[in-house]
PDB file of N, CA and C in Angstrom:
ATOM      1  N   MET A   1     -28.471  94.123  43.144  1.00  0.00           N
ATOM      2  CA  MET A   1     -29.636  93.560  43.156  1.00  0.00           C
ATOM      3  C   MET A   1     -29.669  92.148  42.141  1.00  0.00           C
ATOM      4  N   LYS A   2     -29.113  92.839  40.619  1.00  0.00           N
ATOM      5  CA  LYS A   2     -28.848  92.042  39.434  1.00  0.00           C
ATOM      6  C   LYS A   2     -27.849  91.063  40.098  1.00  0.00           C
ATOM      7  N   ASN A   3     -26.484  91.850  40.661  1.00  0.00           N
ATOM      8  CA  ASN A   3     -25.344  90.855  40.641  1.00  0.00           C
ATOM      9  C   ASN A   3     -25.940  89.661  42.076  1.00  0.00           C
ATOM     10  N   LEU A   4     -26.770  90.141  43.078  1.00  0.00           N
ATOM     11  CA  LEU A   4     -26.859  89.130  44.375  1.00  0.00           C
ATOM     12  C   LEU A   4     -27.615  88.114  43.577  1.00  0.00           C
ATOM     13  N   LEU A   5     -28.606  88.269  42.027  1.00  0.00           N
ATOM     14  CA  LEU A   5     -29.367  87.312  41.404  1.00  0.00           C
ATOM     15  C   LEU A   5     -28.378  86.308  41.116  1.00  0.00           C
ATOM     16  N   ASN A   6     -28.264  87.028  39.836  1.00  0.00           N
ATOM     17  CA  ASN A   6     -26.681  86.284  39.223  1.00  0.00           C
ATOM     18  C   ASN A   6     -25.753  85.302  39.765  1.00  0.00           C
ATOM     19  N   PHE A   7     -25.371  85.959  41.075  1.00  0.00           N
ATOM     20  CA  PHE A   7     -24.705  84.753  42.152  1.00  0.00           C
ATOM     21  C   PHE A   7     -25.346  83.898  42.798  1.00  0.00           C
ATOM     22  N   LEU A   8     -26.646  83.535  42.991  1.00  0.00           N
ATOM     23  CA  LEU A   8     -27.528  82.951  43.508  1.00  0.00           C
ATOM     24  C   LEU A   8     -27.866  81.822  42.493  1.00  0.00           C
ATOM     25  N   GLY A   9     -27.973  82.347  41.251  1.00  0.00           N
ATOM     26  CA  GLY A   9     -27.935  81.150  39.683  1.00  0.00           C
ATOM     27  C   GLY A   9     -26.564  80.517  39.718  1.00  0.00           C
ATOM     28  N   PHE A  10     -26.087  81.429  40.153  1.00  0.00           N
ATOM     29  CA  PHE A  10     -24.639  80.803  39.962  1.00  0.00           C
ATOM     30  C   PHE A  10     -23.959  79.536  40.873  1.00  0.00           C
ATOM     31  N   VAL A  11     -24.613  79.446  41.683  1.00  0.00           N
ATOM     32  CA  VAL A  11     -24.811  78.655  43.100  1.00  0.00           C
ATOM     33  C   VAL A  11     -25.200  77.384  43.118  1.00  0.00           C
ATOM     34  N   ALA A  12     -26.425  77.972  42.705  1.00  0.00           N
ATOM     35  CA  ALA A  12     -27.368  76.958  42.250  1.00  0.00           C
ATOM     36  C   ALA A  12     -27.350  75.860  41.205  1.00  0.00           C
ATOM     37  N   CYS A  13     -26.891  76.154  40.089  1.00  0.00           N
ATOM     38  CA  CYS A  13     -26.364  75.891  39.055  1.00  0.00           C
ATOM     39  C   CYS A  13     -25.192  74.936  39.514  1.00  0.00           C
ATOM     40  N   MET A  14     -24.285  75.517  39.742  1.00  0.00           N
ATOM     41  CA  MET A  14     -22.686  74.710  40.721  1.00  0.00           C
ATOM     42  C   MET A  14     -23.058  73.198  41.294  1.00  0.00           C
ATOM     43  N   LEU A  15     -24.686  73.584  42.115  1.00  0.00           N
ATOM     44  CA  LEU A  15     -24.478  72.360  43.091  1.00  0.00           C
ATOM     45  C   LEU A  15     -25.573  71.336  42.749  1.00  0.00           C
ATOM     46  N   ILE A  16     -26.461  72.105  41.270  1.00  0.00           N
ATOM     47  CA  ILE A  16     -27.117  70.879  40.462  1.00  0.00           C
ATOM     48  C   ILE A  16     -26.076  70.358  40.023  1.00  0.00           C
ATOM     49  N   GLY A  17     -24.833  70.816  38.995  1.00  0.00           N
ATOM     50  CA  GLY A  17     -23.722  70.058  38.601  1.00  0.00           C
ATOM     51  C   GLY A  17     -22.527  69.314  39.280  1.00  0.00           C
ATOM     52  N   PHE A  18     -23.065  69.760  40.583  1.00  0.00           N
ATOM     53  CA  PHE A  18     -21.918  68.727  41.173  1.00  0.00           C
ATOM     54  C   PHE A  18     -22.705  67.607  41.542  1.00  0.00           C
ATOM     55  N   PHE A  19     -24.006  67.919  42.391  1.00  0.00           N
ATOM     56  CA  PHE A  19     -24.280  66.476  42.441  1.00  0.00           C
ATOM     57  C   PHE A  19     -24.936  65.873  41.488  1.00  0.00           C
ATOM     58  N   THR A  20     -25.090  66.190  40.239  1.00  0.00           N
ATOM     59  CA  THR A  20     -25.130  65.644  38.841  1.00  0.00           C
ATOM     60  C   THR A  20     -23.730  64.118  39.104  1.00  0.00           C
ATOM     61  N   ALA A  21     -22.762  64.982  39.011  1.00  0.00           N
ATOM     62  CA  ALA A  21     -21.587  64.932  38.796  1.00  0.00           C
ATOM     63  C   ALA A  21     -21.176  63.399  40.150  1.00  0.00           C
ATOM     64  N   THR A  22     -21.249  63.705  40.988  1.00  0.00           N
ATOM     65  CA  THR A  22     -21.108  63.062  42.096  1.00  0.00           C
ATOM     66  C   THR A  22     -22.434  61.704  42.243  1.00  0.00           C
ATOM     67  N   GLY A  23     -23.519  62.089  41.253  1.00  0.00           N
ATOM     68  CA  GLY A  23     -24.955  60.490  40.994  1.00  0.00           C
ATOM     69  C   GLY A  23     -25.984  60.874  41.875  1.00  0.00           C
ATOM     70  N   ASP A  24     -25.849  61.769  42.947  1.00  0.00           N
ATOM     71  CA  ASP A  24     -26.981  62.046  43.736  1.00  0.00           C
ATOM     72  C   ASP A  24     -28.139  62.632  43.450  1.00  0.00           C
ATOM     73  N   VAL A  25     -28.418  63.389  42.186  1.00  0.00           N
ATOM     74  CA  VAL A  25     -29.617  63.243  40.791  1.00  0.00           C
ATOM     75  C   VAL A  25     -30.055  62.275  41.137  1.00  0.00           C
ATOM     76  N   GLN A  26     -30.013  61.291  40.362  1.00  0.00           N
ATOM     77  CA  GLN A  26     -29.987  60.233  40.863  1.00  0.00           C
ATOM     78  C   GLN A  26     -31.510  59.753  41.055  1.00  0.00           C
ATOM     79  N   THR A  27     -31.513  59.787  42.714  1.00  0.00           N
ATOM     80  CA  THR A  27     -32.458  59.449  43.129  1.00  0.00           C
ATOM     81  C   THR A  27     -33.762  60.522  42.576  1.00  0.00           C
ATOM     82  N   PHE A  28     -33.675  61.187  42.318  1.00  0.00           N
ATOM     83  CA  PHE A  28     -34.931  62.387  42.003  1.00  0.00           C
ATOM     84  C   PHE A  28     -34.879  62.088  40.461  1.00  0.00           C
ATOM     85  N   ILE A  29     -34.323  62.283  39.913  1.00  0.00           N
ATOM     86  CA  ILE A  29     -34.370  62.482  37.909  1.00  0.00           C
ATOM     87  C   ILE A  29     -33.599  60.980  37.376  1.00  0.00           C
ATOM     88  N   HIS A  30     -34.516  60.278  36.736  1.00  0.00           N
ATOM     89  CA  HIS A  30     -34.374  59.026  36.060  1.00  0.00           C
ATOM     90  C   HIS A  30     -33.863  59.745  34.893  1.00  0.00           C
ATOM     91  N   PHE A  31     -32.360  59.217  34.379  1.00  0.00           N
ATOM     92  CA  PHE A  31     -31.890  59.530  33.231  1.00  0.00           C
ATOM     93  C   PHE A  31     -32.288  58.411  32.250  1.00  0.00           C
ATOM     94  N   ALA A  32     -31.802  58.668  31.107  1.00  0.00           N
ATOM     95  CA  ALA A  32     -32.647  57.588  30.175  1.00  0.00           C
ATOM     96  C   ALA A  32     -30.755  56.806  29.330  1.00  0.00           C
ATOM     97  N   GLY A  33     -30.053  57.523  30.070  1.00  0.00           N
ATOM     98  CA  GLY A  33     -28.146  57.069  29.792  1.00  0.00           C
ATOM     99  C   GLY A  33     -27.301  57.684  30.412  1.00  0.00           C
ATOM    100  N   PRO A  34     -26.226  57.504  30.511  1.00  0.00           N
ATOM    101  CA  PRO A  34     -25.129  58.150  31.126  1.00  0.00           C
ATOM    102  C   PRO A  34     -24.961  59.115  30.080  1.00  0.00           C
ATOM    103  N   LEU A  35     -25.340  59.308  28.811  1.00  0.00           N
ATOM    104  CA  LEU A  35     -25.104  60.630  27.803  1.00  0.00           C
ATOM    105  C   LEU A  35     -26.190  61.578  28.543  1.00  0.00           C
ATOM    106  N   ASN A  36     -26.971  61.109  28.738  1.00  0.00           N
ATOM    107  CA  ASN A  36     -28.111  62.321  28.889  1.00  0.00           C
ATOM    108  C   ASN A  36     -27.567  63.130  30.170  1.00  0.00           C
ATOM    109  N   GLU A  37     -27.051  62.079  31.304  1.00  0.00           N
ATOM    110  CA  GLU A  37     -26.575  62.469  32.326  1.00  0.00           C
ATOM    111  C   GLU A  37     -25.675  63.428  32.179  1.00  0.00           C
ATOM    112  N   MET A  38     -24.512  63.177  31.724  1.00  0.00           N
ATOM    113  CA  MET A  38     -23.415  64.591  31.303  1.00  0.00           C
ATOM    114  C   MET A  38     -23.847  65.099  30.783  1.00  0.00           C
ATOM    115  N   ALA A  39     -24.265  65.080  29.732  1.00  0.00           N
ATOM    116  CA  ALA A  39     -24.750  66.490  28.922  1.00  0.00           C
ATOM    117  C   ALA A  39     -25.546  67.493  29.808  1.00  0.00           C
ATOM    118  N   PHE A  40     -26.623  66.620  30.900  1.00  0.00           N
ATOM    119  CA  PHE A  40     -27.457  67.698  31.877  1.00  0.00           C
ATOM    120  C   PHE A  40     -26.414  68.030  32.992  1.00  0.00           C
ATOM    121  N   CYS A  41     -25.466  67.315  33.394  1.00  0.00           N
ATOM    122  CA  CYS A  41     -23.817  68.057  34.090  1.00  0.00           C
ATOM    123  C   CYS A  41     -23.388  69.193  33.208  1.00  0.00           C
ATOM    124  N   PHE A  42     -22.697  68.972  32.099  1.00  0.00           N
ATOM    125  CA  PHE A  42     -22.355  69.647  31.393  1.00  0.00           C
ATOM    126  C   PHE A  42     -23.288  71.181  30.901  1.00  0.00           C
ATOM    127  N   LEU A  43     -24.680  71.444  30.910  1.00  0.00           N
ATOM    128  CA  LEU A  43     -25.249  72.157  30.694  1.00  0.00           C
ATOM    129  C   LEU A  43     -25.495  73.186  31.905  1.00  0.00           C
ATOM    130  N   ALA A  44     -25.440  72.534  33.248  1.00  0.00           N
ATOM    131  CA  ALA A  44     -25.813  72.593  34.614  1.00  0.00           C
ATOM    132  C   ALA A  44     -24.101  73.604  34.620  1.00  0.00           C
ATOM    133  N   PHE A  45     -23.538  73.101  34.427  1.00  0.00           N
ATOM    134  CA  PHE A  45     -21.483  73.829  34.907  1.00  0.00           C
ATOM    135  C   PHE A  45     -21.960  75.308  33.514  1.00  0.00           C
ATOM    136  N   GLY A  46     -22.402  74.887  32.554  1.00  0.00           N
ATOM    137  CA  GLY A  46     -22.256  75.946  31.070  1.00  0.00           C
ATOM    138  C   GLY A  46     -23.339  77.485  31.828  1.00  0.00           C
ATOM    139  N   MET A  47     -24.389  76.795  32.662  1.00  0.00           N
ATOM    140  CA  MET A  47     -25.399  77.336  32.785  1.00  0.00           C
ATOM    141  C   MET A  47     -24.439  78.749  34.029  1.00  0.00           C
ATOM    142  N   ALA A  48     -23.782  77.776  35.090  1.00  0.00           N
ATOM    143  CA  ALA A  48     -23.299  78.445  35.917  1.00  0.00           C
ATOM    144  C   ALA A  48     -22.171  79.439  35.323  1.00  0.00           C
ATOM    145  N   GLY A  49     -21.492  79.201  34.655  1.00  0.00           N
ATOM    146  CA  GLY A  49     -20.290  79.921  33.692  1.00  0.00           C
ATOM    147  C   GLY A  49     -20.807  81.223  33.772  1.00  0.00           C
ATOM    148  N   ILE A  50     -22.191  81.100  32.752  1.00  0.00           N
ATOM    149  CA  ILE A  50     -23.300  82.354  32.178  1.00  0.00           C
ATOM    150  C   ILE A  50     -23.175  83.450  33.263  1.00  0.00           C
ATOM    151  N   PHE A  51     -24.057  82.488  34.163  1.00  0.00           N
ATOM    152  CA  PHE A  51     -24.006  83.626  35.515  1.00  0.00           C
ATOM    153  C   PHE A  51     -22.881  84.117  35.754  1.00  0.00           C
ATOM    154  N   MET A  52     -21.755  83.471  36.232  1.00  0.00           N
ATOM    155  CA  MET A  52     -20.700  83.892  36.989  1.00  0.00           C
ATOM    156  C   MET A  52     -20.344  85.085  35.720  1.00  0.00           C
ATOM    157  N   MET A  53     -20.403  84.895  34.531  1.00  0.00           N
ATOM    158  CA  MET A  53     -19.804  86.069  33.701  1.00  0.00           C
ATOM    159  C   MET A  53     -20.855  87.466  33.884  1.00  0.00           C
ATOM    160  N   SER A  54     -21.793  87.025  33.839  1.00  0.00           N
ATOM    161  CA  SER A  54     -23.037  88.301  33.933  1.00  0.00           C
ATOM    162  C   SER A  54     -22.596  89.055  35.274  1.00  0.00           C
ATOM    163  N   ALA A  55     -22.873  88.612  36.325  1.00  0.00           N
ATOM    164  CA  ALA A  55     -22.473  88.895  37.494  1.00  0.00           C
ATOM    165  C   ALA A  55     -20.810  89.552  37.211  1.00  0.00           C
ATOM    166  N   ILE A  56     -19.957  89.259  37.109  1.00  0.00           N
ATOM    167  CA  ILE A  56     -18.374  89.638  37.042  1.00  0.00           C
ATOM    168  C   ILE A  56     -18.227  90.683  35.942  1.00  0.00           C
ATOM    169  N   LEU A  57     -18.893  90.791  34.574  1.00  0.00           N
ATOM    170  CA  LEU A  57     -18.620  91.558  33.321  1.00  0.00           C
ATOM    171  C   LEU A  57     -19.560  93.038  34.219  1.00  0.00           C
ATOM    172  N   PRO A  58     -19.078  94.116  33.603  1.00  0.00           N
ATOM    173  CA  PRO A  58     -20.102  95.628  33.685  1.00  0.00           C
ATOM    174  C   PRO A  58     -20.951  95.455  32.561  1.00  0.00           C
ATOM    175  N   ASP A  59     -21.894  96.529  32.598  1.00  0.00           N
ATOM    176  CA  ASP A  59     -22.843  96.631  31.713  1.00  0.00           C
ATOM    177  C   ASP A  59     -22.459  96.815  30.574  1.00  0.00           C
ATOM    178  N   SER A  60     -22.567  96.880  29.217  1.00  0.00           N
ATOM    179  CA  SER A  60     -22.379  97.251  28.618  1.00  0.00           C
ATOM    180  C   SER A  60     -22.560  99.101  28.127  1.00  0.00           C
ATOM    181  N   SER A  61     -21.611  99.425  26.914  1.00  0.00           N
ATOM    182  CA  SER A  61     -22.134 101.003  26.618  1.00  0.00           C
ATOM    183  C   SER A  61     -24.139 101.276  26.223  1.00  0.00           C
ATOM    184  N   ARG A  62     -24.364 100.283  25.238  1.00  0.00           N
ATOM    185  CA  ARG A  62     -25.668 100.354  25.128  1.00  0.00           C
ATOM    186  C   ARG A  62     -26.588  99.983  25.737  1.00  0.00           C
ATOM    187  N   ALA A  63     -26.396  99.211  27.179  1.00  0.00           N
ATOM    188  CA  ALA A  63     -27.654  99.506  27.728  1.00  0.00           C
ATOM    189  C   ALA A  63     -27.343 100.582  28.910  1.00  0.00           C
ATOM    190  N   LYS A  64     -26.235 101.128  28.737  1.00  0.00           N
ATOM    191  CA  LYS A  64     -26.200 102.556  29.548  1.00  0.00           C
ATOM    192  C   LYS A  64     -26.645 103.876  28.782  1.00  0.00           C
ATOM    193  N   GLU A  65     -26.704 103.988  27.611  1.00  0.00           N
ATOM    194  CA  GLU A  65     -27.122 104.505  26.495  1.00  0.00           C
ATOM    195  C   GLU A  65     -29.004 104.777  26.793  1.00  0.00           C
ATOM    196  N   ALA A  66     -29.678 102.990  26.937  1.00  0.00           N
ATOM    197  CA  ALA A  66     -30.699 102.734  26.994  1.00  0.00           C
ATOM    198  C   ALA A  66     -30.897 103.732  28.159  1.00  0.00           C
ATOM    199  N   ARG A  67     -30.411 103.382  29.537  1.00  0.00           N
ATOM    200  CA  ARG A  67     -31.215 104.149  30.931  1.00  0.00           C
ATOM    201  C   ARG A  67     -30.859 105.610  30.503  1.00  0.00           C
ATOM    202  N   GLY A  68     -30.221 106.224  29.466  1.00  0.00           N
ATOM    203  CA  GLY A  68     -30.045 107.975  29.339  1.00  0.00           C
ATOM    204  C   GLY A  68     -28.747 108.089  30.090  1.00  0.00           C
ATOM    205  N   LEU A  69     -27.692 107.162  30.161  1.00  0.00           N
ATOM    206  CA  LEU A  69     -26.311 107.780  31.494  1.00  0.00           C
ATOM    207  C   LEU A  69     -25.627 108.334  30.728  1.00  0.00           C
ATOM    208  N   ASP A  70     -25.781 108.465  29.439  1.00  0.00           N
ATOM    209  CA  ASP A  70     -24.420 108.982  29.036  1.00  0.00           C
ATOM    210  C   ASP A  70     -24.968 110.218  27.406  1.00  0.00           C
ATOM    211  N   GLU A  71     -25.680 111.439  28.314  1.00  0.00           N
ATOM    212  CA  GLU A  71     -26.516 112.180  27.497  1.00  0.00           C
ATOM    213  C   GLU A  71     -25.594 112.804  26.018  1.00  0.00           C
ATOM    214  N   LYS A  72     -24.079 113.175  26.614  1.00  0.00           N
ATOM    215  CA  LYS A  72     -23.395 113.646  25.720  1.00  0.00           C
ATOM    216  C   LYS A  72     -22.924 113.145  24.312  1.00  0.00           C
ATOM    217  N   ASN A  73     -23.239 111.993  24.060  1.00  0.00           N
ATOM    218  CA  ASN A  73     -22.760 110.851  22.988  1.00  0.00           C
ATOM    219  C   ASN A  73     -24.160 111.086  22.299  1.00  0.00           C
ATOM    220  N   ARG A  74     -25.266 111.105  22.510  1.00  0.00           N
ATOM    221  CA  ARG A  74     -26.728 111.326  22.605  1.00  0.00           C
ATOM    222  C   ARG A  74     -26.697 111.688  20.608  1.00  0.00           C
ATOM    223  N   PHE A  75     -27.235 111.212  19.982  1.00  0.00           N
ATOM    224  CA  PHE A  75     -27.392 112.058  18.710  1.00  0.00           C
ATOM    225  C   PHE A  75     -28.866 112.818  18.835  1.00  0.00           C
TER     226      PHE A  75
END
């Protein structure tokens, strides 16, 4: 379920970034200047990258320990 939500977040951010880059978002959001629009686009693509990496990368070992899955290495 976690990977599905991360994948949906990735798709949503990619669509927002793409439509901002093509200028279609200007009908809904009026930016103060082209620099603000570029920053919004880059932030959307950056968030898409973060969602993609969190969907692809495995959980860290600390998260597994916190859930009690690695009992032999506990103190």
